[in-house]
């Protein structure tokens, strides 16, 4: 690991939670690109479930979103 990256990780503890969340999102996207596997967050899965129950998204649209998570 590069020294600059190690230094950044050490400073992370002092960051506001909102900034740590943003970094986590970016890191997850990079990991998904590298591995071809995207793991939806609990928040994302909850939003899909709510959309399915609300009728905002059709069953086909919700299924398409889940297929994206399964393949990525």
Protein backbone atom coordinates (compact mmCIF):
# COMPACT_ATOMS: atom_id res chain seq x y z
CA UNK A 1 0.00 0.00 0.00
CA UNK A 2 1.27 3.46 -0.83
CA UNK A 3 2.40 5.64 2.08
CA UNK A 4 -0.05 8.38 1.08
CA UNK A 5 -2.92 5.90 1.19
CA UNK A 6 -1.88 4.64 4.62
CA UNK A 7 -1.69 8.22 5.85
CA UNK A 8 -5.14 8.96 4.49
CA UNK A 9 -6.61 5.90 6.18
CA UNK A 10 -5.14 7.02 9.50
CA UNK A 11 -6.78 10.47 9.14
CA UNK A 12 -10.12 8.90 8.27
CA UNK A 13 -11.04 8.52 11.94
CA UNK A 14 -11.29 12.30 12.25
CA UNK A 15 -13.55 12.77 9.21
CA UNK A 16 -17.24 13.57 9.55
CA UNK A 17 -19.47 10.53 9.05
CA UNK A 18 -20.96 12.05 5.88
CA UNK A 19 -17.51 12.21 4.25
CA UNK A 20 -16.66 8.66 5.32
CA UNK A 21 -19.92 7.49 3.73
CA UNK A 22 -18.99 9.21 0.45
CA UNK A 23 -15.57 7.56 0.48
CA UNK A 24 -17.18 4.19 1.15
CA UNK A 25 -19.51 4.63 -1.83
CA UNK A 26 -16.62 5.49 -4.15
CA UNK A 27 -14.53 2.59 -2.88
CA UNK A 28 -17.43 0.17 -3.40
CA UNK A 29 -17.84 1.41 -6.99
CA UNK A 30 -14.13 0.94 -7.69
CA UNK A 31 -14.23 -2.56 -6.19
CA UNK A 32 -17.26 -3.43 -8.32
CA UNK A 33 -15.43 -2.27 -11.45
CA UNK A 34 -12.34 -4.30 -10.52
CA UNK A 35 -14.18 -7.50 -9.63
CA UNK A 36 -17.34 -7.27 -11.69
CA UNK A 37 -19.38 -7.82 -8.51
CA UNK A 38 -21.56 -5.10 -7.04
CA UNK A 39 -22.99 -5.60 -3.57
CA UNK A 40 -26.06 -3.47 -3.01
CA UNK A 41 -26.23 -1.77 0.35
CA UNK A 42 -29.04 -2.50 2.77
CA UNK A 43 -30.27 1.00 2.00
CA UNK A 44 -30.42 0.29 -1.74
CA UNK A 45 -32.23 -3.01 -1.23
CA UNK A 46 -34.70 -1.34 1.12
CA UNK A 47 -35.39 1.36 -1.47
CA UNK A 48 -36.07 -1.30 -4.10
CA UNK A 49 -38.44 -3.13 -1.76
CA UNK A 50 -40.27 0.11 -0.97
CA UNK A 51 -40.55 0.98 -4.64
CA UNK A 52 -41.95 -2.46 -5.39
CA UNK A 53 -44.58 -2.15 -2.65
CA UNK A 54 -45.49 1.43 -3.56
CA UNK A 55 -46.25 0.71 -7.19
CA UNK A 56 -43.89 3.51 -8.28
CA UNK A 57 -41.85 0.98 -10.19
CA UNK A 58 -43.37 -1.86 -12.10
CA UNK A 59 -42.53 -5.42 -11.17
CA UNK A 60 -40.42 -5.65 -14.34
CA UNK A 61 -38.47 -2.49 -13.40
CA UNK A 62 -37.76 -3.79 -9.91
CA UNK A 63 -36.68 -7.17 -11.28
CA UNK A 64 -34.39 -5.41 -13.79
CA UNK A 65 -32.76 -3.50 -10.94
CA UNK A 66 -32.22 -6.71 -8.96
CA UNK A 67 -30.73 -8.37 -12.06
CA UNK A 68 -28.27 -5.48 -12.28
CA UNK A 69 -27.18 -6.08 -8.69
CA UNK A 70 -26.89 -9.82 -9.25
CA UNK A 71 -24.74 -9.50 -12.40
CA UNK A 72 -22.53 -6.54 -11.51
